[in-house]
Every structure is written in C-alpha cells, then in structure tokens.
Amino acid sequence: MARIPIPVGAWGNISVSGKRGSFRAAARFRQANGRTITRSRFGTTKEAARNALLEHLTELREQAIAGELSNSTTVGSFTKDWLQRWEESDEHPPATIATYTAAVKWIREELGMLRLVECTTGKLENGVKRIAEGHGETTAKQARTVLRHIFADAVRLDALATNPALGVSPIKPKAGEVRAMTQGDVVALRNAARRWEATPHKSFRPYRRDILDSIDVMLGTGVRTGELLGIRWQDIDLEADVPTVSVMGTVTQAKGQGVIWKPAPKSETSKRTLYLPSIAAEALRRQFADREFRPESEAVFASEVGTWRNPSSYRVHFRQVRLLAGLDWVTPKSIRKTVATTIYGAGGLDNASKQLGHSEVGVTAKHYVQKLNIGPQGVVGVLDKWMQSVS
C-alpha cells in the first residue's frame, strides 16, 4: 500500500542524532511543487538543533503556501477579500455592487467567525434563516446567492473540496398583497405635495420645490424613481400630437463615483417611449417654463445645484409629503402599482406590463397589479341573450 504523502508545506517526524556539543536535527519537507526533500539544522544541544530546524521549516512552509488560502480562514476574512476580487474582476452595475455589498455585511455578521472548514450546509442554512428573520426574505435570498459565489471561490482556491452553499434551500419571498392607491389617496397626496412646497424652510441652501410635478409625472407614466430622475430635456416631446417621454436611462448611486446617469435602464424592455396623459404633460410644461431660472442641467428633475439628483434624497422629500397626507404606506412604487392596476382594469395585463417596462407579464401580475375580483362586463350581453332564449 502506497504511503500517504506529506501535505504541501508540511514536514514529517523530526529525528535528532549526534553527540554532546554537536547535534543534527533532520526532517522530510514537501515543497510547493510536490517534491519531498530532507532539511536539517545543527545545534549544541538536541533542543537547540530541533528549534533551529523548526524555525527553518516554518519559513519554508510560509514560502510554499504563500498566496494560498487555508480552510482555517474565517468566513469574515475570506468574504471581505472575495468582495474586493469580485468588484475588480469585471464592470458590475452599481445596483448589483450595492446589493452584494449589503449581502456580505449580513453574511459576516451572522457567519463571519466560522472557519471555512466548519461551514456545513446546515450551518449556512441556519445563517441564511437568521438573515431572513432579521432583515427580510429578499435580503436572505440575496445572501444565499452571494454565499454560493463565495464558496465556489473557496473551492477554486483549493481551500475546500466541495461547495456547502449549493445545498442551502432556496428562499421564496412571499408576494404580499398588492395595494393600489384610491382616487382619494391620489388627491390627498397631491394636496400634501402642494402644502409641502408652500411650507417655509430654514435652509440657506437652494431648495427644490418640484415634488408635485414629479409625482404627477409618475402618476401619468408609472416610471421608477431612478427613471424619473433620469429624464432629460432631450427625452421629452411636448409638441407631438400626443406628447411623449422616452425612458433612456436611470439615475443611481455608484460606489466611488457618486450619483450617475446610466444609459441602460434596469433591462432592455425598460428602454421605452411612453405617451403622456395631460397630468404628466402639464407637469413637464411647468418644468420647461421654469428651466431658465435654474442651474444648467440635462436633468428635468435635477438637484439644487444642477447635478443628477440622488434617489435617496428624493425619497426623503417624498416621505415628508406622504406624512402630510397621512399615507404612511405609500411609496413611489405604490404609484407604479396604481398605474399598473388602472391600465390593467381598462386595457389588460399586457398593456400594463409594457407601460412599466417589465420583461415578463408574470412580474406585473404578481407584484404590481391589485386583484380587482370583478367579473367580465361582457358576460352581461351573453347572459341577457341566453335568458331571452329560455324565457
């Protein structure tokens, strides 16, 4: 039976020979290329010779495994290094970077002190469950995806033989009941926006007061917040028989770059031209008329100094408006759902999906349309005709 080789960077038993005043300690050491050699060191005593050899072997070991990953590395340490390598490996969308960075934060919090070799599928699954309990199912789903990437990298770097994250159960966030705004809700929100704009403020810095017009554009189009703030003057055609706005990009927070405009929206189907109802067209006409009194900017809904507006800052103002309206549950996404539900009721699911820029109607049906539970109006004529035939 073949002898099991010494692991790379390790050594076998140390033997000491010699006589008083001159001792030799020797051991077999396996190099990074797999070759085993004998190394030795001398000392005036057995202990001195052994210690000298151990010091030498330790140096050889560090050289042999330099740059290699050990399965004793903690998840927290490896995950931090992995995120940096992943960011540098390719150009990733800012939103994906933000998502993965947040997932790594929670992974390090829940699993960071475990060593890679200690990470069984069960331990990782329990960690993901804790993330779900503390931060929501969507965050847990993202963490599971990132864990699969992280441990695949550990396998690639020979720290582990298998990827324990592959067996972690899928996270299926429960789709909550879609709630669209009523006509009364819309009236309350718009009135609150007017009051918010008229409220004096204490800031000495420029202060944008276009929240009502931005809400009206969302009510007339159903665009995402980033798409709203990414509308440029060149994307608007108010002179057409039916005015239009072209959604050609989105505004997002990019790591190390600040707020940027991305020429590609969330998906290819997000790049679309939308016809404007009067509420949205009038809002954009007001913005156009006010254009000469603001800093030069590509953006219609720019920041106070003419740069791309930060979506997070916009949401702060939106929350202040909804508080005035007494609509704590309403978000810009609620407006998007309201538009989808309104179009669905009049023009069908396919039209609602196209308006929102979804690649699949299933996404629209599951997450954006409030179920009306109303029977089809056309059955009235069918039933009347049938009743006449039996009467």
Protein backbone atom coordinates (compact mmCIF):
# COMPACT_ATOMS: atom_id res chain seq x y z
CA MET A 1 0.00 0.00 0.00
CA ALA A 2 1.45 3.37 -1.05
CA ARG A 3 2.43 5.74 1.73
CA ILE A 4 0.23 8.83 2.05
CA PRO A 5 2.37 11.82 1.01
CA ILE A 6 3.14 14.67 3.35
CA PRO A 7 0.85 17.68 2.59
CA VAL A 8 2.43 20.56 0.68
CA GLY A 9 4.14 22.93 3.11
CA ALA A 10 4.29 20.31 5.88
CA TRP A 11 7.04 18.05 7.26
CA GLY A 12 7.38 14.61 8.74
CA ASN A 13 8.84 13.41 12.02
CA ILE A 14 11.95 15.20 13.23
CA SER A 15 14.92 12.95 14.07
CA VAL A 16 17.89 14.14 16.14
CA SER A 17 21.30 12.50 16.04
CA GLY A 18 24.90 13.31 17.07
CA LYS A 19 26.90 13.61 20.24
CA ARG A 20 27.42 16.11 23.04
CA GLY A 21 28.15 19.58 21.62
CA SER A 22 27.08 18.74 18.04
CA PHE A 23 23.58 17.50 17.26
CA ARG A 24 21.79 17.30 13.90
CA ALA A 25 18.01 17.58 13.56
CA ALA A 26 16.52 16.42 10.24
CA ALA A 27 13.06 16.02 8.67
CA ARG A 28 11.47 15.46 5.28
CA PHE A 29 9.68 18.55 3.88
CA ARG A 30 7.27 18.71 0.92
CA GLN A 31 7.75 21.71 -1.37
CA ALA A 32 5.17 23.67 -3.34
CA ASN A 33 5.98 21.64 -6.49
CA GLY A 34 5.19 18.40 -4.64
CA ARG A 35 8.79 17.24 -4.35
CA THR A 36 9.89 15.95 -0.92
CA ILE A 37 13.37 16.90 0.30
CA THR A 38 15.30 16.43 3.54
CA ARG A 39 16.21 19.53 5.54
CA SER A 40 18.49 19.67 8.58
CA ARG A 41 19.90 22.08 11.15
CA PHE A 42 22.60 21.76 13.85
CA GLY A 43 22.86 22.79 17.49
CA THR A 44 24.98 22.26 20.56
CA THR A 45 22.07 20.51 22.26
CA LYS A 46 19.25 18.33 20.97
CA GLU A 47 16.71 21.05 21.84
CA ALA A 48 18.74 23.76 20.07
CA ALA A 49 19.06 21.64 16.93
CA ARG A 50 15.30 20.84 16.94
CA ASN A 51 14.33 24.50 17.46
CA ALA A 52 16.65 25.66 14.69
CA LEU A 53 15.10 23.12 12.30
CA LEU A 54 11.54 24.08 13.28
CA GLU A 55 12.29 27.74 12.60
CA HIS A 56 13.72 26.82 9.20
CA LEU A 57 10.79 24.55 8.31
CA THR A 58 8.30 27.26 9.30
CA GLU A 59 9.96 29.69 6.89
CA LEU A 60 9.84 27.08 4.13
CA ARG A 61 6.17 26.46 4.84
CA GLU A 62 5.31 30.16 4.53
CA GLN A 63 7.12 30.25 1.18
CA ALA A 64 5.41 27.08 -0.03
CA ILE A 65 1.85 28.22 0.73
CA ALA A 66 2.36 31.96 0.11
CA GLY A 67 -0.77 33.35 -1.53
CA GLU A 68 -2.71 30.15 -0.86
CA LEU A 69 -5.94 30.01 1.09
CA SER A 70 -6.32 27.85 4.16
CA ASN A 71 -9.54 26.15 5.18
CA SER A 72 -8.93 27.61 8.63
CA THR A 73 -9.51 31.12 7.26
CA THR A 74 -12.62 32.70 8.76
CA VAL A 75 -15.69 33.40 6.63
CA GLY A 76 -15.50 37.07 7.60
CA SER A 77 -11.92 37.45 6.36
CA PHE A 78 -12.39 35.45 3.18
CA THR A 79 -15.69 37.14 2.33
CA LYS A 80 -14.13 40.59 2.59
CA ASP A 81 -11.30 39.56 0.24
CA TRP A 82 -13.76 37.87 -2.12
CA LEU A 83 -15.87 41.02 -2.46
CA GLN A 84 -12.81 43.06 -3.44
CA ARG A 85 -11.72 40.45 -6.03
CA TRP A 86 -15.26 40.26 -7.41
CA GLU A 87 -15.54 44.05 -7.81
CA GLU A 88 -12.18 44.18 -9.60
CA SER A 89 -12.92 41.20 -11.85
CA ASP A 90 -15.40 42.96 -14.11
CA GLU A 91 -17.55 46.05 -14.53
CA HIS A 92 -20.67 45.40 -12.48
CA PRO A 93 -23.84 47.54 -12.38
CA PRO A 94 -23.85 49.90 -9.36
CA ALA A 95 -27.10 48.38 -8.11
CA THR A 96 -25.55 44.89 -8.13
CA ILE A 97 -22.48 46.14 -6.26
CA ALA A 98 -24.71 47.73 -3.63
CA THR A 99 -26.76 44.52 -3.29
CA TYR A 100 -23.71 42.25 -2.95
CA THR A 101 -22.01 44.65 -0.52
CA ALA A 102 -25.09 44.62 1.72
CA ALA A 103 -25.32 40.82 1.50
CA VAL A 104 -21.66 40.46 2.50
CA LYS A 105 -22.30 42.71 5.52
CA TRP A 106 -25.05 40.42 6.84
CA ILE A 107 -23.10 37.25 5.99
CA ARG A 108 -20.13 38.50 8.01
CA GLU A 109 -22.45 39.42 10.87
CA GLU A 110 -24.15 36.01 11.03
CA LEU A 111 -21.36 33.64 9.87
CA GLY A 112 -18.16 35.66 9.97
CA MET A 113 -16.47 33.92 12.92
CA LEU A 114 -16.84 30.40 11.46
CA ARG A 115 -13.83 28.93 9.68
CA LEU A 116 -14.35 27.77 6.11
CA VAL A 117 -13.82 24.13 7.08
CA GLU A 118 -16.55 24.45 9.74
CA CYS A 119 -19.18 25.64 7.25
CA THR A 120 -21.56 22.79 6.63
CA THR A 121 -24.69 23.21 4.55
CA GLY A 122 -26.75 23.15 7.74
CA LYS A 123 -24.78 25.96 9.39
CA LEU A 124 -25.03 28.11 6.28
CA GLU A 125 -28.76 27.44 6.02
CA ASN A 126 -29.28 28.47 9.64
CA GLY A 127 -27.28 31.64 8.98
CA VAL A 128 -29.47 32.47 6.00
CA LYS A 129 -32.58 31.88 8.11
CA ARG A 130 -31.27 34.32 10.72
CA ILE A 131 -30.71 36.91 7.99
CA ALA A 132 -34.29 36.34 6.80
CA GLU A 133 -35.66 36.82 10.32
CA GLY A 134 -33.63 39.96 10.95
CA HIS A 135 -33.58 41.64 7.56
CA GLY A 136 -36.29 40.10 5.40
CA GLU A 137 -36.64 37.28 2.91
CA THR A 138 -35.42 39.32 -0.05
CA THR A 139 -32.14 40.11 1.73
CA ALA A 140 -31.78 36.45 2.70
CA LYS A 141 -32.31 35.40 -0.91
CA GLN A 142 -29.52 37.76 -1.99
CA ALA A 143 -27.26 36.46 0.79
CA ARG A 144 -27.81 32.87 -0.38
CA THR A 145 -26.80 33.83 -3.92
CA VAL A 146 -23.64 35.55 -2.69
CA LEU A 147 -22.75 32.58 -0.44
CA ARG A 148 -22.82 30.28 -3.46
CA HIS A 149 -20.35 32.56 -5.24
CA ILE A 150 -18.12 32.90 -2.17
CA PHE A 151 -17.79 29.17 -1.52
CA ALA A 152 -17.35 28.41 -5.22
CA ASP A 153 -14.31 30.68 -4.99
CA ALA A 154 -13.09 28.80 -1.91
CA VAL A 155 -13.30 25.54 -3.89
CA ARG A 156 -11.47 27.12 -6.82
CA LEU A 157 -8.65 28.21 -4.49
CA ASP A 158 -8.36 24.68 -3.01
CA ALA A 159 -9.47 25.74 0.46
CA LEU A 160 -12.45 23.35 0.26
CA ALA A 161 -13.21 20.25 -1.77
CA THR A 162 -16.94 20.95 -2.17
CA ASN A 163 -19.27 23.93 -2.05
CA PRO A 164 -21.55 23.60 1.01
CA ALA A 165 -23.66 26.59 -0.06
CA LEU A 166 -25.06 24.66 -3.04
CA GLY A 167 -27.35 22.72 -0.72
CA VAL A 168 -28.85 25.74 1.06
CA SER A 169 -32.61 25.75 0.47
CA PRO A 170 -33.97 28.38 -1.94
CA ILE A 171 -35.62 31.42 -0.39
CA LYS A 172 -39.02 32.19 -1.82
CA PRO A 173 -40.20 35.60 -0.62
CA LYS A 174 -43.93 35.64 -0.13
CA ALA A 175 -45.61 38.02 -2.51
CA GLY A 176 -47.54 40.47 -0.40
CA GLU A 177 -50.98 41.67 -1.39
CA VAL A 178 -50.68 44.42 -3.99
CA ARG A 179 -52.30 47.64 -2.82
CA ALA A 180 -53.06 50.39 -5.31
CA MET A 181 -53.98 53.93 -4.33
CA THR A 182 -57.60 55.02 -4.50
CA GLN A 183 -58.68 58.27 -6.15
CA GLY A 184 -58.98 59.74 -2.68
CA ASP A 185 -55.42 58.71 -1.87
CA VAL A 186 -54.13 60.37 -5.04
CA VAL A 187 -55.99 63.61 -4.26
CA ALA A 188 -54.62 63.59 -0.68
CA LEU A 189 -51.05 63.00 -1.88
CA ARG A 190 -51.19 65.80 -4.47
CA ASN A 191 -52.70 68.25 -1.96
CA ALA A 192 -49.98 67.35 0.54
CA ALA A 193 -47.34 67.97 -2.12
CA ARG A 194 -48.73 71.48 -2.65
CA ARG A 195 -48.62 72.14 1.10
CA TRP A 196 -45.09 70.81 1.33
CA GLU A 197 -43.96 73.11 -1.46
CA ALA A 198 -45.55 76.09 0.26
CA THR A 199 -44.03 75.36 3.68
CA PRO A 200 -41.17 77.77 4.58
CA HIS A 201 -37.83 76.11 5.24
CA LYS A 202 -34.84 77.15 7.34
CA SER A 203 -32.09 76.07 4.97
CA PHE A 204 -29.88 78.77 3.45
CA ARG A 205 -29.03 76.43 0.59
CA PRO A 206 -31.09 76.20 -2.63
CA TYR A 207 -34.16 74.07 -2.09
CA ARG A 208 -36.02 72.34 -4.94
CA ARG A 209 -39.80 72.64 -4.79
CA ASP A 210 -40.91 70.42 -7.68
CA ILE A 211 -42.27 67.44 -5.76
CA LEU A 212 -45.82 67.86 -7.11
CA ASP A 213 -44.69 67.88 -10.73
CA SER A 214 -42.52 64.82 -10.16
CA ILE A 215 -45.45 62.98 -8.56
CA ASP A 216 -47.69 63.96 -11.47
CA VAL A 217 -45.18 62.55 -13.95
CA MET A 218 -45.09 59.26 -12.01
CA LEU A 219 -48.90 59.19 -11.87
CA GLY A 220 -49.03 59.68 -15.63
CA THR A 221 -46.33 57.18 -16.57
CA GLY A 222 -45.61 54.68 -13.79
CA VAL A 223 -41.84 55.18 -14.15
CA ARG A 224 -39.40 54.04 -11.47
CA THR A 225 -37.78 56.64 -9.20
CA GLY A 226 -34.41 56.30 -10.94
CA GLU A 227 -36.09 56.61 -14.34
CA LEU A 228 -38.00 59.71 -13.21
CA LEU A 229 -34.80 61.43 -12.08
CA GLY A 230 -33.05 60.27 -15.26
CA ILE A 231 -35.46 62.04 -17.64
CA ARG A 232 -33.51 64.54 -19.75
CA TRP A 233 -34.86 67.52 -21.63
CA GLN A 234 -33.97 65.81 -24.91
CA ASP A 235 -36.15 62.82 -23.97
CA ILE A 236 -39.36 64.89 -23.97
CA ASP A 237 -41.53 65.75 -26.98
CA LEU A 238 -44.29 68.10 -25.87
CA GLU A 239 -45.03 69.33 -29.40
CA ALA A 240 -46.24 65.98 -30.73
CA ASP A 241 -49.97 65.40 -31.28
CA VAL A 242 -49.77 63.16 -28.23
CA PRO A 243 -46.78 64.26 -26.08
CA THR A 244 -44.24 61.58 -25.23
CA VAL A 245 -41.32 60.92 -22.90
CA SER A 246 -38.58 58.41 -23.74
CA VAL A 247 -37.11 56.44 -20.84
CA MET A 248 -33.50 56.13 -21.95
CA GLY A 249 -31.62 55.82 -18.67
CA THR A 250 -31.75 55.77 -14.93
CA VAL A 251 -30.04 57.59 -12.07
CA THR A 252 -28.21 55.54 -9.47
CA GLN A 253 -25.63 55.80 -6.69
CA ALA A 254 -22.33 54.30 -7.89
CA LYS A 255 -19.60 53.30 -5.45
CA GLY A 256 -16.71 55.74 -5.68
CA GLN A 257 -18.48 57.86 -8.33
CA GLY A 258 -21.43 59.41 -6.55
CA VAL A 259 -24.73 59.83 -8.37
CA ILE A 260 -24.53 58.95 -12.07
CA TRP A 261 -26.83 58.57 -15.06
CA LYS A 262 -26.75 55.10 -16.61
CA PRO A 263 -27.59 54.95 -20.34
CA ALA A 264 -29.04 51.45 -19.95
CA PRO A 265 -32.10 51.17 -17.70
CA LYS A 266 -32.84 48.17 -15.48
CA SER A 267 -33.48 45.93 -18.51
CA GLU A 268 -33.78 46.31 -22.27
CA THR A 269 -37.57 46.39 -22.01
CA SER A 270 -37.20 49.33 -19.63
CA LYS A 271 -35.98 51.44 -22.54
CA ARG A 272 -39.29 52.64 -23.90
CA THR A 273 -41.29 55.63 -25.16
CA LEU A 274 -44.45 56.48 -23.23
CA TYR A 275 -47.41 58.62 -24.26
CA LEU A 276 -48.16 61.34 -21.74
CA PRO A 277 -51.63 61.97 -20.29
CA SER A 278 -52.44 65.61 -19.60
CA ILE A 279 -51.44 65.46 -15.90
CA ALA A 280 -47.86 64.44 -16.80
CA ALA A 281 -47.60 66.67 -19.89
CA GLU A 282 -48.69 69.75 -17.92
CA ALA A 283 -46.20 68.98 -15.17
CA LEU A 284 -43.36 68.79 -17.70
CA ARG A 285 -44.53 72.01 -19.37
CA ARG A 286 -44.31 73.75 -15.99
CA GLN A 287 -40.80 72.42 -15.52
CA PHE A 288 -39.85 73.58 -19.01
CA ALA A 289 -41.20 77.09 -18.32
CA ASP A 290 -39.17 77.24 -15.10
CA ARG A 291 -36.00 75.97 -16.78
CA GLU A 292 -34.38 79.40 -17.29
CA PHE A 293 -34.44 80.11 -13.53
CA ARG A 294 -32.40 77.05 -12.52
CA PRO A 295 -28.78 75.85 -12.99
CA GLU A 296 -27.97 74.43 -16.41
CA SER A 297 -28.59 70.70 -16.35
CA GLU A 298 -29.50 67.76 -18.57
CA ALA A 299 -31.96 66.52 -15.99
CA VAL A 300 -35.53 67.75 -15.77
CA PHE A 301 -35.70 66.91 -12.06
CA ALA A 302 -32.13 67.85 -11.17
CA SER A 303 -30.58 68.54 -7.78
CA GLU A 304 -30.44 72.04 -6.31
CA VAL A 305 -27.06 72.65 -7.99
CA GLY A 306 -27.97 71.16 -11.35
CA THR A 307 -26.44 67.70 -10.93
CA TRP A 308 -28.25 64.36 -11.08
CA ARG A 309 -30.50 64.09 -8.06
CA ASN A 310 -29.79 61.35 -5.55
CA PRO A 311 -32.77 58.92 -5.44
CA SER A 312 -32.30 58.56 -1.67
CA SER A 313 -32.60 62.33 -1.17
CA TYR A 314 -35.71 62.38 -3.35
CA ARG A 315 -37.31 59.64 -1.25
CA VAL A 316 -36.68 61.70 1.90
CA HIS A 317 -38.80 64.52 0.44
CA PHE A 318 -41.41 62.02 -0.73
CA ARG A 319 -41.72 60.59 2.79
CA GLN A 320 -42.29 64.09 4.16
CA VAL A 321 -45.12 64.58 1.67
CA ARG A 322 -46.81 61.26 2.44
CA LEU A 323 -46.61 62.07 6.16
CA LEU A 324 -48.53 65.29 5.50
CA ALA A 325 -51.06 63.27 3.52
CA GLY A 326 -51.49 60.66 6.25
CA LEU A 327 -50.48 57.92 3.81
CA ASP A 328 -47.67 56.17 5.65
CA TRP A 329 -47.85 53.11 3.40
CA VAL A 330 -47.46 54.98 0.10
CA THR A 331 -44.10 54.93 -1.72
CA PRO A 332 -43.13 55.82 -5.30
CA LYS A 333 -43.58 52.11 -6.00
CA SER A 334 -47.18 52.41 -4.80
CA ILE A 335 -47.76 54.96 -7.56
CA ARG A 336 -46.26 52.50 -10.03
CA LYS A 337 -48.66 49.80 -8.82
CA THR A 338 -51.57 52.23 -9.09
CA VAL A 339 -50.73 52.99 -12.72
CA ALA A 340 -50.40 49.27 -13.49
CA THR A 341 -53.71 48.45 -11.81
CA THR A 342 -55.51 51.27 -13.64
CA ILE A 343 -54.21 50.16 -17.05
CA TYR A 344 -54.90 46.51 -16.22
CA GLY A 345 -58.54 47.30 -15.46
CA ALA A 346 -59.04 49.12 -18.74
CA GLY A 347 -56.51 47.71 -21.19
CA GLY A 348 -55.36 44.35 -19.91
CA LEU A 349 -52.26 42.88 -18.31
CA ASP A 350 -50.06 43.05 -21.42
CA ASN A 351 -50.51 46.82 -21.75
CA ALA A 352 -49.79 47.29 -18.04
CA SER A 353 -46.58 45.27 -18.36
CA LYS A 354 -45.40 47.27 -21.39
CA GLN A 355 -46.12 50.56 -19.63
CA LEU A 356 -43.99 49.56 -16.64
CA GLY A 357 -41.17 48.18 -18.80
CA HIS A 358 -41.29 44.62 -17.49
CA SER A 359 -39.73 41.78 -19.47
CA GLU A 360 -42.41 39.34 -18.30
CA VAL A 361 -46.12 39.88 -17.67
CA GLY A 362 -45.84 37.47 -14.75
CA VAL A 363 -43.84 40.05 -12.79
CA THR A 364 -46.56 42.63 -13.41
CA ALA A 365 -49.35 40.26 -12.43
CA LYS A 366 -47.64 39.05 -9.24
CA HIS A 367 -46.14 42.23 -7.84
CA TYR A 368 -47.81 45.29 -9.41
CA VAL A 369 -51.48 44.65 -10.13
CA GLN A 370 -54.13 44.74 -7.43
CA LYS A 371 -56.61 41.94 -7.99
CA LEU A 372 -59.96 43.55 -8.66
CA ASN A 373 -62.07 40.35 -8.43
CA ILE A 374 -64.69 41.78 -10.79
CA GLY A 375 -66.43 39.59 -13.31
CA PRO A 376 -66.10 40.47 -17.03
CA GLN A 377 -68.58 43.12 -18.17
CA GLY A 378 -69.12 41.34 -21.48
CA VAL A 379 -70.99 38.50 -19.84
CA VAL A 380 -73.99 40.79 -19.34
CA GLY A 381 -74.89 40.63 -23.03
CA VAL A 382 -74.21 36.89 -23.17
CA LEU A 383 -76.46 36.16 -20.20
CA ASP A 384 -79.21 38.52 -21.45
CA LYS A 385 -79.24 36.74 -24.80
CA TRP A 386 -79.31 33.35 -23.14
CA MET A 387 -82.17 34.37 -20.81
CA GLN A 388 -84.20 35.61 -23.77
CA SER A 389 -83.81 32.23 -25.42
CA VAL A 390 -85.15 30.37 -22.41
CA SER A 391 -87.94 32.75 -21.44
